[in-house]
Amino acid sequence: MVTHVLPELIQFMFPNVLHVLRRNVHVVKSINTHQYEVSYKIMRQSSTSQSLCKEKRTSFGSYISTPVPPSVANHIFHSFEHSKKIQKEMSIHGIPRALSRTTLKKLKEASRKPGSTLLSMKVHHILRKISRKEYDLSALLPLFVDHTLILHPNTKKIKKMKEISDLSDPIMWYPEARSMFRKVIFHAGPTNSGKTHAALQRFYEADSGVYCGPLRLLAREVCQKSRDKGVSCDMITGDDQDYHFGKHSRAEKVSCTVEMTNINKIYDVAIIDEIQMVSDIERGWAWTRAFLGVCADEIHVCGEERAIKVVRKLVDECGDCLSVEKYKRLGQLRVKKNPVISLDKLTSGDCVVCFNKDEIYKYKRLLEDASTEVAMIYGSLPPHTKIEQAKKFNDPDNKCNILVTTDAIGMGLNLNIKRIIFNDVRKTTLVKGGERVKAPLTPYHALQIAGRAGRFGSQYPDGAVTTMKAEHINTLHRLLRTKVPDIETAGLHPSFDKIKQFANVMRTTSLYDVLTSFISLCGTDNSLYFLCSLEECRDIAKALQNVKLPLNDMYTFCLSPVSIKRDFVVGVLGEFAKMHSKGKQISAGDLKLLLNWPPRQAREKQGMLILEDTHECIRLYLWLSFRFPGTFVDNREVKYMSKTVDKVTSRSVSSKADKAPVSSNQEAWEDLKEFLLDDL
């Protein structure tokens, strides 16, 4: 690196930089006032450079005699930050972008106060020389590196931390799978094409197998279908386990959520459903892990055609073989030219899709005011409630023949929908960096939702799609005409071993600090992989940072199914963590005290939010009970509590109760009787 900067400034201004720059740096500069040229090596402090340093120290004040205008300083800093050459040098010195922004911010602040501190004097001298074209941009680099070391002492360890956080070769994380030659069959097609049905036939026929699905509802459905066919099958999700032969014996087949895929057992057949989810910024890592790690001779992946490219690249990486079977939609899907506009034009089999709960409750209230019964489904409702609402809507003899829902219907539930009606064409979405922004629907998202209209074998084999508002109809047509881009990359997530090694180098037990640094340093093969969002996990770690837990336990708590936006649920998680840290067992009675048990039937939206939080806390307890059974000791009784909440929630969302309301105390007593009879 040739850096045009005075040699005496390097020695005088940047005393910490010498042990960071690991190679000789030649510095050449013609100084007009003395008319001489100095060739200087940073790592060798010659007597000539030392004398020059003494000479210039005496006149250092002259270096900042003319302050640099703010606009000029901002332009220089902007050029420095975006220079590819500078970025490369920062990478060589082990300075990640996240830390460089912090340092740059401090240097900018110093530039606004000329002469107030030694740092501001150094900054202004270099900025002035760069503005006069006497120095180039790299003259800022020694000061930048030196100040980074002051702000971030761990910078010296960054090389080792970068090595640990390197996730660029994940196929080698699964040596058992790499020792096998696996046959991969991709069942590619749109919604309602029969692709998953075809793959499941091999699951039923095989001697052993695993189904990996995106939702608890699907895991339960596949398990039940298997048992209905006389096939022994277990069901495992994060918060529930149902063993065909009892908990002390295992069936040869298992239906699970994709996160729960057992990569240590060998199967004849594996099915990975909705493989396009490999690109999901939050959960994509689970599909990547299942695909790379499952030990099966035959792997069936089901999903959209846009995932063929990334699956083919993953197959090539693994040294497996791939065949593709394409499916066409069973039934037509018509895109209507006219919007609905008025609620009185809704007819039997219509489904209004909203992208927030406020809109759902608004439509529900308006339709009920018009004496129309409505089914309601959204993501945070308990599974039992979703199933009950779907049954009401699907039943041709039930008066409830209009559905109001979120995009939660995009996968999972079987619904007899005649027409999909988009209430909006924008949705709040999580983007890289953990920020949530409202953005237009992507073509593939619009297609996935629209594809739920019409269902083979139902009363509506063909489907239609339109919008509620006139201003959205052209956008919808454009979205559904747009070619969906291929998926190029698959998500990754660090194992706890990576996190532990990283923490050991940092010499910290703060998971929040570890995750903050890991996110900034993590490297992947960007042509094939990306790091899934760790921001929510980090934010939960921040909320729990006053609880003293071993790093492993803290990491598990922070991976629990909790949204940082649900304050009450995060508070309950904090209470769980505190009790666990003290070695206390947490009973169903403790949980009831936290939840103000029993639940009460909701009459308005706020009451529904309380029921949803109650359900999430119970789900959280069950999830933790499978990770810390010595702490969360009342799994079976809490399951019955879950049933109580399901029933109260189902009654609350029903448009019209078929019978007189049952008090929450009576409901709790009925579930207690069921619990006692089950024991007998």
Foldseek 3Di string as FASTA:
>chain_A
DEWADQLLCLVVVQVPLQVLPPDWYWYWAQDVVVRDIDTDTSNDCDPVSVVVNVVVVVVLVVLQPDQDDLVLLVVLLVCCLPPPVNVVVCVVSLHFNVLLVVLSVVLSVLSVPAPPDPSVSSSRSVSVCCVVVRTPSCNCVSVSVRVSCVVPVLSVVNVVLLVLQEPAQVLVVAVLQLVAAAEEEEEAEAPQFCSVVVQVVVVLVFQAEEEAAADLLVLVVSCVVSVVVVAQEWEDELQDTGHSVDPVDHGRYYRYHLQPDDLVDAGAEYEYEALVCLPPQAPVASSVCCVSRHHYNYYYYYHHPLAPQLVVVSCVSSVYHYDYDYTYHQAAEAEDQDAQQDPVSDDFQEEEAEADVVVLQVVCVVCVVVVQWEQEDEDLADPLLNVVSQVQCQDPVHSHRYYYYYLPVLDNDQHAHAEYAYADQWHFDQDPVRDTDIGGHALVSLSSSSSSHAHPPGPRNYHYYAYNDPVCGVVSVVSPPDDHHHDFEGEHEDDVVSLVVSCVSVVDQQSLVSVVVSSSSRHYPVRYYDYRDCVQLSVLSVVQVVQDDGSVVSSVLSPFPDGPVLPLLSVLSNVLSNCVSVVAAQEVVNLCVSLVDDQFADQDDVSLSSLSSNLSNLSRLSSVCVVCVSRSPHNPVSVLSNVLSNVSNSQNSTSDDPDDDDGSVVSSVVSVVVSVVVVD
